[in-house]
N, C-alpha and C. Protein backbone atom coordinates (compact mmCIF):
# COMPACT_ATOMS: atom_id res chain seq x y z
N MET A 1 -17.46 -16.52 9.26
CA MET A 1 -16.05 -16.32 9.50
C MET A 1 -15.25 -16.69 8.34
N ALA A 2 -14.31 -15.76 7.90
CA ALA A 2 -13.56 -16.09 6.75
C ALA A 2 -12.16 -15.46 6.87
N ALA A 3 -11.18 -16.17 6.19
CA ALA A 3 -9.86 -15.62 6.22
C ALA A 3 -9.85 -14.43 5.26
N PRO A 4 -8.86 -13.53 5.40
CA PRO A 4 -8.74 -12.35 4.55
C PRO A 4 -8.53 -12.77 3.07
N HIS A 5 -9.12 -12.01 2.19
CA HIS A 5 -8.93 -12.24 0.78
C HIS A 5 -9.02 -10.86 0.06
N PHE A 6 -8.03 -10.75 -0.87
CA PHE A 6 -8.11 -9.52 -1.68
C PHE A 6 -8.99 -9.78 -2.88
N ASP A 7 -10.11 -9.10 -3.01
CA ASP A 7 -11.05 -9.25 -4.02
C ASP A 7 -10.62 -8.50 -5.27
N GLN A 8 -9.77 -7.37 -5.08
CA GLN A 8 -9.07 -6.69 -6.12
C GLN A 8 -7.66 -6.55 -5.80
N PRO A 9 -6.70 -6.89 -6.67
CA PRO A 9 -5.35 -6.70 -6.45
C PRO A 9 -4.86 -5.28 -6.23
N LEU A 10 -3.75 -5.08 -5.78
CA LEU A 10 -3.21 -3.75 -5.56
C LEU A 10 -2.98 -3.22 -7.07
N MET A 11 -3.56 -2.09 -7.35
CA MET A 11 -3.36 -1.50 -8.60
C MET A 11 -3.01 0.00 -8.58
N PRO A 12 -2.18 0.50 -9.46
CA PRO A 12 -1.47 -0.25 -10.47
C PRO A 12 -0.44 -1.22 -9.94
N ALA A 13 -0.06 -2.23 -10.68
CA ALA A 13 0.97 -3.11 -10.16
C ALA A 13 2.29 -2.53 -10.21
N MET A 14 2.54 -1.52 -11.06
CA MET A 14 3.79 -0.77 -11.13
C MET A 14 3.51 0.68 -11.38
N ASN A 15 3.98 1.58 -10.55
CA ASN A 15 3.67 2.93 -10.65
C ASN A 15 4.99 3.76 -10.78
N ASN A 16 5.26 4.53 -11.81
CA ASN A 16 6.50 5.19 -12.02
C ASN A 16 6.13 6.70 -11.97
N ILE A 17 6.59 7.44 -10.93
CA ILE A 17 6.28 8.80 -10.77
C ILE A 17 7.43 9.67 -10.50
N LEU A 18 7.32 11.01 -10.66
CA LEU A 18 8.33 11.96 -10.43
C LEU A 18 8.40 12.27 -8.96
N GLU A 19 9.64 12.34 -8.41
CA GLU A 19 9.86 12.69 -7.01
C GLU A 19 9.14 13.93 -6.67
N GLY A 20 8.42 13.92 -5.54
CA GLY A 20 7.70 15.07 -5.07
C GLY A 20 6.21 15.05 -5.48
N THR A 21 5.80 14.09 -6.21
CA THR A 21 4.39 14.17 -6.62
C THR A 21 3.62 13.11 -5.79
N ALA A 22 2.21 13.14 -6.01
CA ALA A 22 1.42 12.25 -5.26
C ALA A 22 0.96 11.10 -6.16
N THR A 23 0.60 9.95 -5.46
CA THR A 23 0.01 8.89 -6.17
C THR A 23 -0.83 7.93 -5.20
N ILE A 24 -1.68 7.22 -5.78
CA ILE A 24 -2.59 6.34 -4.97
C ILE A 24 -2.57 4.93 -5.62
N PHE A 25 -2.48 3.97 -4.79
CA PHE A 25 -2.68 2.50 -5.13
C PHE A 25 -3.98 2.12 -4.51
N VAL A 26 -4.76 1.35 -5.19
CA VAL A 26 -6.08 0.84 -4.65
C VAL A 26 -6.27 -0.67 -4.68
N ALA A 27 -7.00 -1.20 -3.74
CA ALA A 27 -7.23 -2.61 -3.69
C ALA A 27 -8.58 -2.75 -2.99
N LYS A 28 -9.10 -3.93 -2.90
CA LYS A 28 -10.31 -4.25 -2.16
C LYS A 28 -9.99 -5.60 -1.33
N VAL A 29 -10.26 -5.54 -0.03
CA VAL A 29 -10.02 -6.68 0.84
C VAL A 29 -11.36 -7.02 1.62
N SER A 30 -11.41 -8.32 1.89
CA SER A 30 -12.61 -8.79 2.64
C SER A 30 -12.09 -9.85 3.61
N GLY A 31 -12.93 -10.11 4.63
CA GLY A 31 -12.65 -11.06 5.69
C GLY A 31 -13.55 -10.84 6.88
N ASP A 32 -13.80 -11.92 7.62
CA ASP A 32 -14.65 -11.82 8.80
C ASP A 32 -14.05 -12.65 9.96
N PRO A 33 -13.62 -11.90 10.95
CA PRO A 33 -13.69 -10.55 11.26
C PRO A 33 -12.85 -9.75 10.31
N LYS A 34 -13.19 -8.40 10.29
CA LYS A 34 -12.42 -7.40 9.43
C LYS A 34 -10.92 -7.58 9.73
N PRO A 35 -10.09 -7.82 8.71
CA PRO A 35 -8.69 -8.02 8.93
C PRO A 35 -7.93 -6.70 9.29
N THR A 36 -6.86 -6.95 10.08
CA THR A 36 -5.93 -5.86 10.26
C THR A 36 -5.02 -5.76 9.13
N LEU A 37 -4.42 -4.63 8.88
CA LEU A 37 -3.55 -4.44 7.69
C LEU A 37 -2.19 -3.87 8.14
N GLU A 38 -1.19 -4.46 7.44
CA GLU A 38 0.16 -4.01 7.67
C GLU A 38 0.78 -3.83 6.17
N VAL A 39 1.65 -2.71 6.14
CA VAL A 39 2.28 -2.42 4.90
C VAL A 39 3.79 -2.62 5.10
N TYR A 40 4.38 -3.40 4.15
CA TYR A 40 5.90 -3.56 4.18
C TYR A 40 6.46 -2.84 2.93
N GLN A 41 7.55 -2.20 3.17
CA GLN A 41 8.34 -1.61 1.96
C GLN A 41 9.62 -2.43 1.91
N ASP A 42 9.79 -3.07 0.85
CA ASP A 42 11.05 -3.93 0.78
C ASP A 42 11.35 -4.72 2.03
N LYS A 43 10.30 -5.40 2.43
CA LYS A 43 10.31 -6.33 3.64
C LYS A 43 10.35 -5.73 4.97
N GLU A 44 10.34 -4.31 5.04
CA GLU A 44 10.33 -3.60 6.38
C GLU A 44 9.00 -3.04 6.58
N LEU A 45 8.47 -3.16 7.75
CA LEU A 45 7.21 -2.63 8.24
C LEU A 45 7.23 -1.06 8.01
N LYS A 46 6.24 -0.61 7.35
CA LYS A 46 6.15 0.94 7.09
C LYS A 46 5.08 1.45 7.90
N VAL A 47 5.26 2.63 8.52
CA VAL A 47 4.34 3.31 9.32
C VAL A 47 3.84 4.57 8.67
N LYS A 48 2.66 5.07 9.13
CA LYS A 48 2.11 6.27 8.53
C LYS A 48 3.23 7.34 8.80
N SER A 49 3.22 8.27 7.80
CA SER A 49 4.22 9.42 7.92
C SER A 49 3.48 10.60 7.26
N LYS A 50 4.27 11.73 7.14
CA LYS A 50 3.75 12.88 6.56
C LYS A 50 3.43 12.61 5.03
N THR A 51 4.20 11.79 4.44
CA THR A 51 4.05 11.49 2.98
C THR A 51 3.24 10.26 2.64
N PHE A 52 2.92 9.38 3.62
CA PHE A 52 2.38 8.07 3.33
C PHE A 52 1.23 7.76 4.32
N GLU A 53 0.20 7.20 3.86
CA GLU A 53 -0.88 6.65 4.72
C GLU A 53 -1.71 5.56 4.03
N LEU A 54 -2.21 4.64 4.85
CA LEU A 54 -3.08 3.60 4.28
C LEU A 54 -4.49 3.73 4.81
N LYS A 55 -5.44 3.75 3.97
CA LYS A 55 -6.85 4.05 4.39
C LYS A 55 -7.68 2.75 3.86
N CYS A 56 -8.65 2.47 4.70
CA CYS A 56 -9.55 1.32 4.37
C CYS A 56 -10.99 1.61 4.96
N ASP A 57 -11.92 1.67 4.10
CA ASP A 57 -13.32 1.99 4.58
C ASP A 57 -14.01 0.74 5.12
N ASP A 58 -15.22 0.89 5.47
CA ASP A 58 -16.01 -0.30 6.11
C ASP A 58 -16.35 -1.39 4.94
N ASN A 59 -16.25 -0.99 3.77
CA ASN A 59 -16.55 -1.94 2.60
C ASN A 59 -15.24 -2.63 2.07
N GLY A 60 -14.19 -2.40 2.71
CA GLY A 60 -12.91 -3.06 2.38
C GLY A 60 -12.12 -2.33 1.20
N ASN A 61 -12.66 -1.13 0.75
CA ASN A 61 -11.93 -0.36 -0.24
C ASN A 61 -10.69 0.24 0.34
N LEU A 62 -9.61 -0.14 -0.11
CA LEU A 62 -8.33 0.20 0.42
C LEU A 62 -7.54 1.22 -0.45
N LYS A 63 -6.92 2.21 0.13
CA LYS A 63 -6.14 3.22 -0.54
C LYS A 63 -4.73 3.25 0.11
N MET A 64 -3.67 3.10 -0.65
CA MET A 64 -2.33 3.35 -0.17
C MET A 64 -1.91 4.64 -0.86
N VAL A 65 -1.88 5.74 -0.01
CA VAL A 65 -1.67 7.10 -0.58
C VAL A 65 -0.30 7.62 -0.27
N PHE A 66 0.38 8.12 -1.28
CA PHE A 66 1.63 8.77 -1.15
C PHE A 66 1.43 10.36 -1.46
N HIS A 67 1.38 11.22 -0.50
CA HIS A 67 1.08 12.59 -0.64
C HIS A 67 2.20 13.41 -1.48
N ARG A 68 3.36 13.09 -1.21
CA ARG A 68 4.55 13.65 -1.77
C ARG A 68 5.71 12.76 -1.77
N ALA A 69 5.68 11.82 -2.74
CA ALA A 69 6.64 10.61 -2.73
C ALA A 69 8.03 11.20 -2.86
N GLY A 70 8.97 10.60 -2.01
CA GLY A 70 10.36 10.98 -2.11
C GLY A 70 11.28 9.72 -2.32
N ARG A 71 12.55 9.98 -2.46
CA ARG A 71 13.46 8.89 -2.77
C ARG A 71 13.41 7.71 -1.82
N ASP A 72 12.97 7.99 -0.57
CA ASP A 72 12.93 6.86 0.43
C ASP A 72 11.58 6.00 0.14
N ASP A 73 10.73 6.50 -0.67
CA ASP A 73 9.48 5.73 -0.88
C ASP A 73 9.61 4.76 -2.02
N ASP A 74 10.66 4.81 -2.84
CA ASP A 74 10.93 3.90 -3.91
C ASP A 74 11.09 2.47 -3.41
N GLY A 75 10.37 1.59 -4.03
CA GLY A 75 10.52 0.14 -3.59
C GLY A 75 9.28 -0.66 -3.91
N THR A 76 9.33 -1.97 -3.35
CA THR A 76 8.34 -2.93 -3.49
C THR A 76 7.42 -2.85 -2.23
N TYR A 77 6.13 -2.64 -2.42
CA TYR A 77 5.09 -2.58 -1.28
C TYR A 77 4.35 -3.88 -1.26
N LYS A 78 4.16 -4.37 0.02
CA LYS A 78 3.29 -5.52 0.24
C LYS A 78 2.31 -5.19 1.27
N ILE A 79 0.98 -5.34 1.01
CA ILE A 79 -0.01 -5.12 2.09
C ILE A 79 -0.43 -6.51 2.55
N VAL A 80 -0.35 -6.77 3.87
CA VAL A 80 -0.71 -7.98 4.42
C VAL A 80 -2.00 -7.79 5.28
N ALA A 81 -3.03 -8.53 4.99
CA ALA A 81 -4.33 -8.53 5.73
C ALA A 81 -4.34 -9.75 6.64
N LYS A 82 -4.66 -9.67 7.90
CA LYS A 82 -4.58 -10.72 8.81
C LYS A 82 -5.85 -10.73 9.71
N ASN A 83 -6.39 -11.95 10.00
CA ASN A 83 -7.36 -12.13 11.06
C ASN A 83 -7.19 -13.45 11.62
N ALA A 84 -8.07 -13.87 12.52
CA ALA A 84 -7.87 -15.12 13.21
C ALA A 84 -7.94 -16.38 12.35
N HIS A 85 -8.43 -16.22 11.15
CA HIS A 85 -8.59 -17.30 10.20
C HIS A 85 -7.50 -17.45 9.19
N GLY A 86 -6.60 -16.44 9.19
CA GLY A 86 -5.56 -16.56 8.24
C GLY A 86 -5.04 -15.20 7.80
N GLU A 87 -4.28 -15.19 6.61
CA GLU A 87 -3.76 -13.96 6.12
C GLU A 87 -3.58 -14.05 4.62
N SER A 88 -3.55 -12.89 3.96
CA SER A 88 -3.40 -12.78 2.52
C SER A 88 -2.56 -11.50 2.28
N HIS A 89 -2.04 -11.44 1.00
CA HIS A 89 -1.19 -10.29 0.70
C HIS A 89 -1.30 -9.94 -0.77
N VAL A 90 -1.03 -8.68 -1.09
CA VAL A 90 -0.89 -8.21 -2.47
C VAL A 90 0.39 -7.33 -2.50
N GLN A 91 0.94 -7.11 -3.61
CA GLN A 91 2.05 -6.26 -3.72
C GLN A 91 2.15 -5.50 -4.97
N ALA A 92 2.83 -4.36 -4.93
CA ALA A 92 3.03 -3.49 -6.18
C ALA A 92 4.38 -2.80 -6.02
N GLU A 93 4.82 -2.18 -7.10
CA GLU A 93 6.11 -1.48 -7.19
C GLU A 93 5.83 -0.04 -7.28
N LEU A 94 6.60 0.80 -6.57
CA LEU A 94 6.63 2.26 -6.76
C LEU A 94 8.03 2.67 -7.16
N LEU A 95 8.19 3.21 -8.29
CA LEU A 95 9.40 3.63 -8.83
C LEU A 95 9.54 5.19 -8.89
N ILE A 96 10.42 5.71 -8.24
CA ILE A 96 10.60 7.20 -8.18
C ILE A 96 11.57 7.72 -9.12
N GLU A 97 11.19 8.60 -10.00
CA GLU A 97 12.18 9.28 -10.87
C GLU A 97 12.66 10.44 -10.09
N PHE A 98 13.96 10.37 -9.87
CA PHE A 98 14.60 11.49 -9.07
C PHE A 98 14.69 12.77 -9.71
N ASP A 99 14.23 13.78 -9.08
CA ASP A 99 14.29 15.19 -9.61
C ASP A 99 15.56 15.88 -9.12
N PRO A 100 16.49 16.18 -10.03
CA PRO A 100 17.76 16.86 -9.44
C PRO A 100 17.56 18.13 -8.81
N THR A 101 16.41 18.83 -9.08
CA THR A 101 16.17 20.12 -8.47
C THR A 101 15.67 19.93 -6.96
N MET A 102 15.22 18.79 -6.65
CA MET A 102 14.80 18.50 -5.31
C MET A 102 15.88 18.35 -4.19
N GLY A 103 17.14 18.39 -4.66
CA GLY A 103 18.28 18.23 -3.70
C GLY A 103 18.63 16.84 -3.52
């Protein structure tokens, strides 16, 4: 039994992309029992949407995927891993360059 621990931090630590494009952040998390994961954007809980999802395989390889990042996706992201023995977190920045042709 072990508290959650991020064996690899969320990378890249800062990601600057053009509005409407895709990007992926990666990390590796461990813990026993397997931790639950929550994502916060600028301190607000973020849920899966058409443009965003969080994936984690059985080995703890984590991907935070933005399929078509928009203006609302700009911000600081924190992933919190929790189990009965504690919690841990990592964070990264997503900066969206606004595209005037996107409206």
